[in-house]
Amino acid sequence: MSIKTLDVDALAAHADNIYEAVAVMSKRARQIASATKSELDNKLAYFEGFEPELEDPRFQEEQARISIEFETRPSPTETAVEEMLSGDVYYRQATDEDEDQVEEDEF
């Protein structure tokens, strides 16, 4: 993975300020990481019932292929930054009404 410099002004243009942009991107990266982990777990769950057959090279090759596929994907942070720069990320700030609704729901 190579290091890329990012235009901070371009990131800040998609939010009110750079700190908000970083917060939005970090939350989006966590969402992507969670979805990717869930997808990987679902694909590898297929192999859980085949304990004796796991010695078979075909099962090992298939597991390795799935793992390599997920390892070669871009990192969640990289994907979140690209989504933010392309304008694909939708976010909104909580309003006072939203906060009041949460407080009412808690009781």
N, C-alpha and C. Protein backbone atom coordinates (compact mmCIF):
# COMPACT_ATOMS: atom_id res chain seq x y z
N MET A 1 0.85 -1.17 0.00
CA MET A 1 0.00 0.00 0.00
C MET A 1 0.89 1.23 0.00
N SER A 2 0.67 2.07 -0.98
CA SER A 2 1.47 3.28 -1.06
C SER A 2 0.77 4.42 -0.33
N ILE A 3 1.54 5.38 0.06
CA ILE A 3 1.02 6.53 0.77
C ILE A 3 0.70 7.61 -0.25
N LYS A 4 -0.50 8.15 -0.15
CA LYS A 4 -0.93 9.21 -1.06
C LYS A 4 -1.18 10.48 -0.26
N THR A 5 -0.80 11.59 -0.83
CA THR A 5 -1.13 12.86 -0.19
C THR A 5 -2.52 13.27 -0.63
N LEU A 6 -3.27 13.81 0.29
CA LEU A 6 -4.63 14.23 0.00
C LEU A 6 -4.73 15.74 0.08
N ASP A 7 -5.55 16.30 -0.75
CA ASP A 7 -5.81 17.73 -0.70
C ASP A 7 -6.81 17.99 0.43
N VAL A 8 -6.33 18.57 1.49
CA VAL A 8 -7.15 18.82 2.67
C VAL A 8 -8.30 19.76 2.33
N ASP A 9 -8.05 20.71 1.47
CA ASP A 9 -9.10 21.66 1.09
C ASP A 9 -10.22 20.95 0.32
N ALA A 10 -9.86 19.97 -0.49
CA ALA A 10 -10.88 19.21 -1.23
C ALA A 10 -11.74 18.40 -0.27
N LEU A 11 -11.13 17.83 0.76
CA LEU A 11 -11.90 17.10 1.76
C LEU A 11 -12.80 18.03 2.55
N ALA A 12 -12.27 19.17 2.94
CA ALA A 12 -13.05 20.13 3.72
C ALA A 12 -14.19 20.73 2.91
N ALA A 13 -14.07 20.73 1.58
CA ALA A 13 -15.12 21.28 0.73
C ALA A 13 -16.39 20.42 0.78
N HIS A 14 -16.25 19.16 1.17
CA HIS A 14 -17.40 18.25 1.23
C HIS A 14 -18.07 18.26 2.60
N ALA A 15 -17.58 19.09 3.49
CA ALA A 15 -18.15 19.19 4.84
C ALA A 15 -17.97 20.64 5.30
N ASP A 16 -18.46 20.92 6.50
CA ASP A 16 -18.31 22.28 7.01
C ASP A 16 -16.86 22.62 7.32
N ASN A 17 -16.09 21.62 7.79
CA ASN A 17 -14.67 21.84 8.08
C ASN A 17 -13.95 20.49 7.98
N ILE A 18 -12.67 20.51 8.11
CA ILE A 18 -11.87 19.29 7.94
C ILE A 18 -12.14 18.28 9.05
N TYR A 19 -12.42 18.75 10.25
CA TYR A 19 -12.66 17.84 11.37
C TYR A 19 -13.96 17.05 11.15
N GLU A 20 -14.96 17.74 10.65
CA GLU A 20 -16.22 17.06 10.35
C GLU A 20 -16.01 16.05 9.22
N ALA A 21 -15.23 16.41 8.22
CA ALA A 21 -14.95 15.49 7.11
C ALA A 21 -14.24 14.24 7.61
N VAL A 22 -13.29 14.40 8.50
CA VAL A 22 -12.56 13.26 9.05
C VAL A 22 -13.50 12.38 9.87
N ALA A 23 -14.37 13.00 10.65
CA ALA A 23 -15.32 12.23 11.45
C ALA A 23 -16.27 11.43 10.56
N VAL A 24 -16.75 12.03 9.50
CA VAL A 24 -17.66 11.34 8.57
C VAL A 24 -16.92 10.19 7.88
N MET A 25 -15.70 10.45 7.44
CA MET A 25 -14.94 9.39 6.77
C MET A 25 -14.61 8.24 7.71
N SER A 26 -14.31 8.54 8.96
CA SER A 26 -13.98 7.46 9.90
C SER A 26 -15.21 6.61 10.19
N LYS A 27 -16.37 7.24 10.30
CA LYS A 27 -17.59 6.47 10.53
C LYS A 27 -17.90 5.61 9.31
N ARG A 28 -17.72 6.17 8.12
CA ARG A 28 -17.97 5.40 6.89
C ARG A 28 -16.99 4.25 6.77
N ALA A 29 -15.73 4.45 7.14
CA ALA A 29 -14.73 3.38 7.09
C ALA A 29 -15.11 2.25 8.04
N ARG A 30 -15.62 2.58 9.22
CA ARG A 30 -16.08 1.55 10.16
C ARG A 30 -17.26 0.77 9.57
N GLN A 31 -18.17 1.46 8.89
CA GLN A 31 -19.29 0.79 8.25
C GLN A 31 -18.81 -0.19 7.18
N ILE A 32 -17.86 0.25 6.37
CA ILE A 32 -17.32 -0.60 5.30
C ILE A 32 -16.60 -1.80 5.89
N ALA A 33 -15.80 -1.58 6.93
CA ALA A 33 -15.07 -2.68 7.56
C ALA A 33 -16.03 -3.70 8.16
N SER A 34 -17.09 -3.23 8.78
CA SER A 34 -18.08 -4.13 9.36
C SER A 34 -18.78 -4.96 8.29
N ALA A 35 -19.15 -4.32 7.20
CA ALA A 35 -19.81 -5.04 6.11
C ALA A 35 -18.88 -6.06 5.48
N THR A 36 -17.62 -5.71 5.31
CA THR A 36 -16.65 -6.62 4.72
C THR A 36 -16.41 -7.82 5.63
N LYS A 37 -16.30 -7.58 6.93
CA LYS A 37 -16.10 -8.68 7.88
C LYS A 37 -17.31 -9.61 7.88
N SER A 38 -18.49 -9.04 7.83
CA SER A 38 -19.70 -9.85 7.79
C SER A 38 -19.75 -10.70 6.52
N GLU A 39 -19.39 -10.12 5.40
CA GLU A 39 -19.37 -10.86 4.14
C GLU A 39 -18.36 -11.99 4.17
N LEU A 40 -17.17 -11.72 4.71
CA LEU A 40 -16.14 -12.76 4.82
C LEU A 40 -16.59 -13.87 5.75
N ASP A 41 -17.16 -13.52 6.87
CA ASP A 41 -17.66 -14.54 7.81
C ASP A 41 -18.72 -15.42 7.17
N ASN A 42 -19.61 -14.80 6.39
CA ASN A 42 -20.64 -15.58 5.71
C ASN A 42 -20.05 -16.55 4.70
N LYS A 43 -19.04 -16.11 3.96
CA LYS A 43 -18.43 -16.99 2.97
C LYS A 43 -17.64 -18.12 3.62
N LEU A 44 -16.97 -17.83 4.73
CA LEU A 44 -16.18 -18.87 5.40
C LEU A 44 -17.03 -19.78 6.27
N ALA A 45 -18.26 -19.35 6.59
CA ALA A 45 -19.15 -20.19 7.39
C ALA A 45 -19.52 -21.47 6.66
N TYR A 46 -19.44 -21.47 5.36
CA TYR A 46 -19.73 -22.66 4.57
C TYR A 46 -18.82 -23.82 4.97
N PHE A 47 -17.59 -23.53 5.33
CA PHE A 47 -16.60 -24.56 5.60
C PHE A 47 -16.67 -25.11 7.03
N GLU A 48 -17.53 -24.58 7.87
CA GLU A 48 -17.55 -24.98 9.28
C GLU A 48 -18.02 -26.41 9.51
N GLY A 49 -18.88 -26.96 8.67
CA GLY A 49 -19.41 -28.30 8.91
C GLY A 49 -18.58 -29.42 8.33
N PHE A 50 -17.47 -29.11 7.71
CA PHE A 50 -16.66 -30.11 7.01
C PHE A 50 -15.34 -30.39 7.72
N GLU A 51 -15.38 -30.68 9.00
CA GLU A 51 -14.15 -30.87 9.77
C GLU A 51 -13.23 -31.94 9.17
N PRO A 52 -13.70 -33.17 8.90
CA PRO A 52 -12.79 -34.18 8.34
C PRO A 52 -12.34 -33.85 6.92
N GLU A 53 -13.22 -33.19 6.16
CA GLU A 53 -12.88 -32.90 4.77
C GLU A 53 -11.95 -31.70 4.61
N LEU A 54 -11.70 -30.96 5.69
CA LEU A 54 -10.84 -29.79 5.58
C LEU A 54 -9.40 -30.14 5.22
N GLU A 55 -9.04 -31.41 5.37
CA GLU A 55 -7.70 -31.83 4.97
C GLU A 55 -7.58 -31.91 3.46
N ASP A 56 -8.72 -31.96 2.78
CA ASP A 56 -8.74 -32.03 1.31
C ASP A 56 -8.15 -30.74 0.73
N PRO A 57 -7.20 -30.86 -0.17
CA PRO A 57 -6.56 -29.66 -0.74
C PRO A 57 -7.55 -28.73 -1.45
N ARG A 58 -8.63 -29.27 -1.98
CA ARG A 58 -9.60 -28.42 -2.68
C ARG A 58 -10.28 -27.46 -1.70
N PHE A 59 -10.58 -27.95 -0.49
CA PHE A 59 -11.17 -27.07 0.52
C PHE A 59 -10.18 -25.99 0.94
N GLN A 60 -8.93 -26.38 1.11
CA GLN A 60 -7.91 -25.42 1.51
C GLN A 60 -7.68 -24.37 0.43
N GLU A 61 -7.69 -24.81 -0.83
CA GLU A 61 -7.51 -23.86 -1.93
C GLU A 61 -8.67 -22.87 -1.99
N GLU A 62 -9.88 -23.37 -1.79
CA GLU A 62 -11.05 -22.50 -1.83
C GLU A 62 -11.01 -21.49 -0.69
N GLN A 63 -10.65 -21.94 0.50
CA GLN A 63 -10.54 -21.01 1.63
C GLN A 63 -9.44 -19.98 1.37
N ALA A 64 -8.34 -20.41 0.83
CA ALA A 64 -7.24 -19.49 0.52
C ALA A 64 -7.67 -18.48 -0.54
N ARG A 65 -8.40 -18.94 -1.54
CA ARG A 65 -8.87 -18.04 -2.61
C ARG A 65 -9.79 -16.96 -2.04
N ILE A 66 -10.69 -17.35 -1.15
CA ILE A 66 -11.61 -16.39 -0.54
C ILE A 66 -10.82 -15.39 0.31
N SER A 67 -9.88 -15.88 1.10
CA SER A 67 -9.09 -15.00 1.97
C SER A 67 -8.26 -14.02 1.14
N ILE A 68 -7.65 -14.50 0.08
CA ILE A 68 -6.82 -13.63 -0.77
C ILE A 68 -7.68 -12.57 -1.45
N GLU A 69 -8.88 -12.96 -1.85
CA GLU A 69 -9.79 -12.00 -2.48
C GLU A 69 -10.07 -10.83 -1.54
N PHE A 70 -10.29 -11.13 -0.27
CA PHE A 70 -10.59 -10.07 0.69
C PHE A 70 -9.34 -9.28 1.06
N GLU A 71 -8.18 -9.91 1.05
CA GLU A 71 -6.94 -9.21 1.39
C GLU A 71 -6.53 -8.23 0.31
N THR A 72 -6.89 -8.50 -0.95
CA THR A 72 -6.48 -7.63 -2.06
C THR A 72 -7.42 -6.45 -2.26
N ARG A 73 -8.53 -6.42 -1.55
CA ARG A 73 -9.44 -5.28 -1.65
C ARG A 73 -8.78 -4.04 -1.04
N PRO A 74 -9.20 -2.86 -1.51
CA PRO A 74 -8.67 -1.64 -0.88
C PRO A 74 -9.13 -1.55 0.57
N SER A 75 -8.36 -0.87 1.38
CA SER A 75 -8.70 -0.76 2.80
C SER A 75 -9.98 0.06 2.96
N PRO A 76 -10.70 -0.17 4.05
CA PRO A 76 -11.92 0.60 4.29
C PRO A 76 -11.67 2.11 4.35
N THR A 77 -10.54 2.50 4.89
CA THR A 77 -10.23 3.92 4.98
C THR A 77 -10.03 4.51 3.59
N GLU A 78 -9.32 3.79 2.74
CA GLU A 78 -9.09 4.26 1.38
C GLU A 78 -10.41 4.39 0.62
N THR A 79 -11.29 3.42 0.79
CA THR A 79 -12.59 3.46 0.13
C THR A 79 -13.42 4.63 0.64
N ALA A 80 -13.39 4.87 1.95
CA ALA A 80 -14.16 5.98 2.53
C ALA A 80 -13.65 7.32 2.02
N VAL A 81 -12.35 7.49 1.89
CA VAL A 81 -11.78 8.74 1.38
C VAL A 81 -12.20 8.94 -0.07
N GLU A 82 -12.12 7.88 -0.88
CA GLU A 82 -12.53 7.99 -2.28
C GLU A 82 -14.01 8.34 -2.40
N GLU A 83 -14.84 7.72 -1.56
CA GLU A 83 -16.27 8.03 -1.58
C GLU A 83 -16.52 9.48 -1.18
N MET A 84 -15.79 9.97 -0.21
CA MET A 84 -15.97 11.36 0.24
C MET A 84 -15.56 12.33 -0.87
N LEU A 85 -14.43 12.06 -1.51
CA LEU A 85 -13.95 12.96 -2.56
C LEU A 85 -14.86 12.94 -3.78
N SER A 86 -15.50 11.82 -4.06
CA SER A 86 -16.38 11.74 -5.22
C SER A 86 -17.80 12.21 -4.90
N GLY A 87 -18.07 12.49 -3.63
CA GLY A 87 -19.38 12.98 -3.23
C GLY A 87 -20.42 11.89 -3.05
N ASP A 88 -19.99 10.64 -2.88
CA ASP A 88 -20.91 9.51 -2.72
C ASP A 88 -21.38 9.31 -1.29
N VAL A 89 -20.82 10.04 -0.35
CA VAL A 89 -21.18 9.87 1.06
C VAL A 89 -22.27 10.87 1.41
N TYR A 90 -23.36 10.36 1.96
CA TYR A 90 -24.44 11.23 2.43
C TYR A 90 -24.40 11.23 3.96
N TYR A 91 -24.45 12.39 4.53
CA TYR A 91 -24.51 12.51 5.98
C TYR A 91 -25.32 13.76 6.31
N ARG A 92 -25.81 13.77 7.52
CA ARG A 92 -26.53 14.95 7.99
C ARG A 92 -26.18 15.15 9.45
N GLN A 93 -26.29 16.38 9.87
CA GLN A 93 -26.03 16.70 11.26
C GLN A 93 -27.31 16.51 12.06
N ALA A 94 -27.16 16.06 13.27
CA ALA A 94 -28.31 15.89 14.14
C ALA A 94 -28.85 17.27 14.51
N THR A 95 -30.15 17.38 14.47
CA THR A 95 -30.77 18.64 14.85
C THR A 95 -31.25 18.55 16.28
N ASP A 96 -31.71 19.65 16.80
CA ASP A 96 -32.24 19.65 18.17
C ASP A 96 -33.46 18.75 18.28
N GLU A 97 -34.28 18.67 17.22
CA GLU A 97 -35.44 17.79 17.24
C GLU A 97 -35.03 16.33 17.33
N ASP A 98 -33.96 15.96 16.59
CA ASP A 98 -33.47 14.59 16.65
C ASP A 98 -32.98 14.24 18.05
N GLU A 99 -32.26 15.16 18.68
CA GLU A 99 -31.74 14.91 20.02
C GLU A 99 -32.89 14.81 21.03
N ASP A 100 -33.93 15.66 20.87
CA ASP A 100 -35.08 15.58 21.76
C ASP A 100 -35.79 14.24 21.59
N GLN A 101 -35.89 13.77 20.35
CA GLN A 101 -36.56 12.50 20.08
C GLN A 101 -35.80 11.35 20.74
N VAL A 102 -34.48 11.37 20.68
CA VAL A 102 -33.67 10.32 21.30
C VAL A 102 -33.89 10.32 22.81
N GLU A 103 -33.89 11.50 23.41
CA GLU A 103 -34.10 11.58 24.86
C GLU A 103 -35.48 11.06 25.24
N GLU A 104 -36.51 11.34 24.44
CA GLU A 104 -37.84 10.85 24.74
C GLU A 104 -37.92 9.33 24.59
N ASP A 105 -37.21 8.78 23.59
CA ASP A 105 -37.22 7.35 23.35
C ASP A 105 -36.53 6.57 24.47
N GLU A 106 -35.58 7.19 25.14
CA GLU A 106 -34.82 6.50 26.17
C GLU A 106 -35.66 6.21 27.41
N PHE A 107 -36.69 6.98 27.65
CA PHE A 107 -37.50 6.80 28.85
C PHE A 107 -38.63 5.87 28.63
